[in-house]
Amino acid sequence: MNYRVTMPLLVLAFKDNHQAAVTISAGKIVEVIGPAEDDDRFVVVKVNEEQFHVFATDLAERTRLIKPPAQGVTAD
């Protein structure tokens, strides 16, 4: 599922450098991959082909779900 960032969102690198934090600016799109394997406070998101951890509460408070277009609906 894709979300649009509405307020700056702090995400954490979790592979090569555990201490790296990056701020995703408002207006960017993040794709939720799923829950983090080792900590249920986090979800894994993809931003520009890179994966990060983000607090689930931050995701809920600082993003909005982008609803996919309805299937089978055509414009007249």
N, C-alpha and C. Protein backbone atom coordinates (compact mmCIF):
# COMPACT_ATOMS: atom_id res chain seq x y z
N MET A 1 0.84 -1.17 0.00
CA MET A 1 0.00 0.00 0.00
C MET A 1 0.89 1.23 0.00
N ASN A 2 0.44 2.25 -0.70
CA ASN A 2 1.20 3.47 -0.81
C ASN A 2 0.59 4.58 0.04
N TYR A 3 1.47 5.40 0.61
CA TYR A 3 1.05 6.51 1.46
C TYR A 3 1.77 7.77 1.01
N ARG A 4 1.07 8.91 1.10
CA ARG A 4 1.68 10.21 0.83
C ARG A 4 2.07 10.82 2.17
N VAL A 5 3.30 11.27 2.28
CA VAL A 5 3.79 11.90 3.51
C VAL A 5 3.17 13.30 3.61
N THR A 6 2.53 13.60 4.75
CA THR A 6 1.88 14.90 4.95
C THR A 6 2.70 15.83 5.82
N MET A 7 3.58 15.28 6.63
CA MET A 7 4.50 16.04 7.48
C MET A 7 5.84 15.32 7.43
N PRO A 8 6.96 16.02 7.63
CA PRO A 8 8.26 15.33 7.58
C PRO A 8 8.24 14.05 8.43
N LEU A 9 8.82 12.99 7.86
CA LEU A 9 8.77 11.66 8.45
C LEU A 9 10.18 11.13 8.64
N LEU A 10 10.55 10.82 9.87
CA LEU A 10 11.87 10.27 10.17
C LEU A 10 11.85 8.76 9.96
N VAL A 11 12.77 8.27 9.14
CA VAL A 11 12.89 6.83 8.90
C VAL A 11 14.30 6.40 9.28
N LEU A 12 14.47 5.12 9.58
CA LEU A 12 15.75 4.59 10.06
C LEU A 12 16.27 3.51 9.13
N ALA A 13 17.55 3.61 8.79
CA ALA A 13 18.20 2.55 8.01
C ALA A 13 18.32 1.32 8.90
N PHE A 14 18.14 0.14 8.32
CA PHE A 14 18.20 -1.06 9.17
C PHE A 14 19.08 -2.16 8.60
N LYS A 15 19.81 -1.89 7.55
CA LYS A 15 20.68 -2.93 7.00
C LYS A 15 22.14 -2.60 7.22
N ASP A 16 22.69 -1.72 6.42
CA ASP A 16 24.13 -1.47 6.46
C ASP A 16 24.57 -0.55 7.60
N ASN A 17 23.72 0.39 7.98
CA ASN A 17 24.12 1.36 9.00
C ASN A 17 22.95 1.60 9.94
N HIS A 18 22.93 0.92 11.05
CA HIS A 18 21.81 1.00 11.98
C HIS A 18 21.63 2.37 12.61
N GLN A 19 22.62 3.23 12.53
CA GLN A 19 22.54 4.53 13.18
C GLN A 19 22.09 5.64 12.23
N ALA A 20 21.84 5.32 10.98
CA ALA A 20 21.46 6.34 10.00
C ALA A 20 19.98 6.65 10.10
N ALA A 21 19.66 7.92 10.13
CA ALA A 21 18.27 8.38 10.10
C ALA A 21 18.14 9.36 8.95
N VAL A 22 17.01 9.27 8.26
CA VAL A 22 16.74 10.12 7.10
C VAL A 22 15.37 10.73 7.28
N THR A 23 15.22 11.98 6.89
CA THR A 23 13.91 12.62 6.93
C THR A 23 13.31 12.60 5.54
N ILE A 24 12.10 12.08 5.43
CA ILE A 24 11.36 12.08 4.18
C ILE A 24 10.45 13.30 4.19
N SER A 25 10.54 14.13 3.18
CA SER A 25 9.78 15.38 3.18
C SER A 25 8.33 15.16 2.76
N ALA A 26 7.50 16.11 3.18
CA ALA A 26 6.07 16.09 2.85
C ALA A 26 5.91 16.05 1.34
N GLY A 27 4.92 15.29 0.88
CA GLY A 27 4.63 15.16 -0.53
C GLY A 27 5.20 13.91 -1.16
N LYS A 28 6.20 13.30 -0.54
CA LYS A 28 6.80 12.08 -1.07
C LYS A 28 5.85 10.90 -0.87
N ILE A 29 6.04 9.87 -1.68
CA ILE A 29 5.25 8.64 -1.59
C ILE A 29 6.12 7.56 -0.96
N VAL A 30 5.57 6.85 0.02
CA VAL A 30 6.25 5.69 0.60
C VAL A 30 5.38 4.47 0.39
N GLU A 31 6.02 3.35 0.14
CA GLU A 31 5.32 2.08 -0.03
C GLU A 31 5.56 1.23 1.21
N VAL A 32 4.49 0.78 1.84
CA VAL A 32 4.63 -0.09 3.02
C VAL A 32 4.85 -1.51 2.54
N ILE A 33 5.96 -2.09 2.96
CA ILE A 33 6.32 -3.46 2.60
C ILE A 33 5.70 -4.45 3.58
N GLY A 34 5.71 -4.12 4.87
CA GLY A 34 5.15 -4.99 5.89
C GLY A 34 5.74 -4.69 7.25
N PRO A 35 5.38 -5.48 8.24
CA PRO A 35 5.91 -5.25 9.59
C PRO A 35 7.39 -5.62 9.66
N ALA A 36 8.10 -4.96 10.57
CA ALA A 36 9.50 -5.30 10.81
C ALA A 36 9.55 -6.67 11.48
N GLU A 37 10.53 -7.46 11.14
CA GLU A 37 10.64 -8.82 11.66
C GLU A 37 10.98 -8.87 13.14
N ASP A 38 11.80 -7.94 13.60
CA ASP A 38 12.34 -8.05 14.95
C ASP A 38 11.76 -7.07 15.96
N ASP A 39 10.86 -6.19 15.54
CA ASP A 39 10.32 -5.18 16.46
C ASP A 39 8.96 -4.73 15.96
N ASP A 40 7.91 -5.06 16.70
CA ASP A 40 6.55 -4.76 16.23
C ASP A 40 6.17 -3.29 16.30
N ARG A 41 7.05 -2.43 16.80
CA ARG A 41 6.79 -0.98 16.79
C ARG A 41 7.03 -0.38 15.41
N PHE A 42 7.75 -1.11 14.56
CA PHE A 42 8.16 -0.59 13.26
C PHE A 42 7.48 -1.31 12.11
N VAL A 43 7.37 -0.60 10.99
CA VAL A 43 7.01 -1.20 9.71
C VAL A 43 8.15 -0.89 8.74
N VAL A 44 8.26 -1.70 7.71
CA VAL A 44 9.27 -1.50 6.67
C VAL A 44 8.62 -0.75 5.52
N VAL A 45 9.26 0.34 5.09
CA VAL A 45 8.77 1.11 3.96
C VAL A 45 9.85 1.20 2.90
N LYS A 46 9.41 1.39 1.66
CA LYS A 46 10.34 1.60 0.56
C LYS A 46 10.17 3.02 0.07
N VAL A 47 11.29 3.72 -0.05
CA VAL A 47 11.32 5.09 -0.56
C VAL A 47 12.45 5.15 -1.59
N ASN A 48 12.12 5.49 -2.81
CA ASN A 48 13.14 5.57 -3.87
C ASN A 48 14.00 4.31 -3.93
N GLU A 49 13.36 3.16 -3.90
CA GLU A 49 14.02 1.86 -4.01
C GLU A 49 14.90 1.49 -2.83
N GLU A 50 14.86 2.25 -1.74
CA GLU A 50 15.58 1.90 -0.52
C GLU A 50 14.57 1.56 0.57
N GLN A 51 14.93 0.60 1.41
CA GLN A 51 14.03 0.20 2.49
C GLN A 51 14.49 0.78 3.83
N PHE A 52 13.51 1.16 4.64
CA PHE A 52 13.76 1.77 5.94
C PHE A 52 12.75 1.26 6.95
N HIS A 53 13.07 1.43 8.22
CA HIS A 53 12.11 1.23 9.31
C HIS A 53 11.49 2.58 9.65
N VAL A 54 10.21 2.56 9.99
CA VAL A 54 9.52 3.75 10.47
C VAL A 54 8.58 3.30 11.59
N PHE A 55 8.47 4.12 12.62
CA PHE A 55 7.52 3.80 13.69
C PHE A 55 6.11 3.75 13.10
N ALA A 56 5.36 2.72 13.44
CA ALA A 56 3.98 2.58 12.96
C ALA A 56 3.14 3.79 13.38
N THR A 57 3.39 4.32 14.57
CA THR A 57 2.62 5.49 15.02
C THR A 57 2.94 6.71 14.17
N ASP A 58 4.20 6.89 13.78
CA ASP A 58 4.57 8.01 12.91
C ASP A 58 3.92 7.87 11.53
N LEU A 59 3.91 6.64 11.01
CA LEU A 59 3.27 6.40 9.72
C LEU A 59 1.79 6.79 9.79
N ALA A 60 1.12 6.41 10.87
CA ALA A 60 -0.31 6.72 11.02
C ALA A 60 -0.55 8.22 11.16
N GLU A 61 0.33 8.92 11.84
CA GLU A 61 0.13 10.34 12.12
C GLU A 61 0.64 11.27 11.03
N ARG A 62 1.59 10.84 10.23
CA ARG A 62 2.27 11.74 9.30
C ARG A 62 2.08 11.40 7.83
N THR A 63 1.19 10.45 7.54
CA THR A 63 0.93 10.08 6.15
C THR A 63 -0.56 9.87 5.93
N ARG A 64 -0.94 9.82 4.67
CA ARG A 64 -2.31 9.48 4.28
C ARG A 64 -2.26 8.39 3.23
N LEU A 65 -3.15 7.41 3.39
CA LEU A 65 -3.26 6.31 2.44
C LEU A 65 -3.67 6.84 1.08
N ILE A 66 -2.99 6.38 0.04
CA ILE A 66 -3.38 6.69 -1.33
C ILE A 66 -4.23 5.53 -1.80
N LYS A 67 -5.49 5.80 -2.02
CA LYS A 67 -6.40 4.72 -2.45
C LYS A 67 -6.20 4.43 -3.93
N PRO A 68 -6.07 3.15 -4.26
CA PRO A 68 -5.93 2.80 -5.68
C PRO A 68 -7.24 3.06 -6.41
N PRO A 69 -7.19 3.27 -7.73
CA PRO A 69 -8.42 3.48 -8.47
C PRO A 69 -9.32 2.24 -8.37
N ALA A 70 -10.61 2.46 -8.37
CA ALA A 70 -11.56 1.36 -8.27
C ALA A 70 -11.45 0.48 -9.51
N GLN A 71 -11.48 -0.81 -9.30
CA GLN A 71 -11.40 -1.77 -10.41
C GLN A 71 -12.73 -1.82 -11.16
N GLY A 72 -12.68 -1.81 -12.48
CA GLY A 72 -13.88 -1.97 -13.28
C GLY A 72 -14.74 -0.74 -13.41
N VAL A 73 -14.31 0.37 -12.87
CA VAL A 73 -15.10 1.61 -12.94
C VAL A 73 -14.54 2.43 -14.10
N THR A 74 -15.41 2.87 -14.98
CA THR A 74 -14.98 3.69 -16.10
C THR A 74 -15.63 5.05 -16.04
N ALA A 75 -14.95 6.04 -16.54
CA ALA A 75 -15.50 7.39 -16.58
C ALA A 75 -16.39 7.53 -17.80
N ASP A 76 -17.53 8.14 -17.63
CA ASP A 76 -18.45 8.36 -18.76
C ASP A 76 -18.31 9.74 -19.33
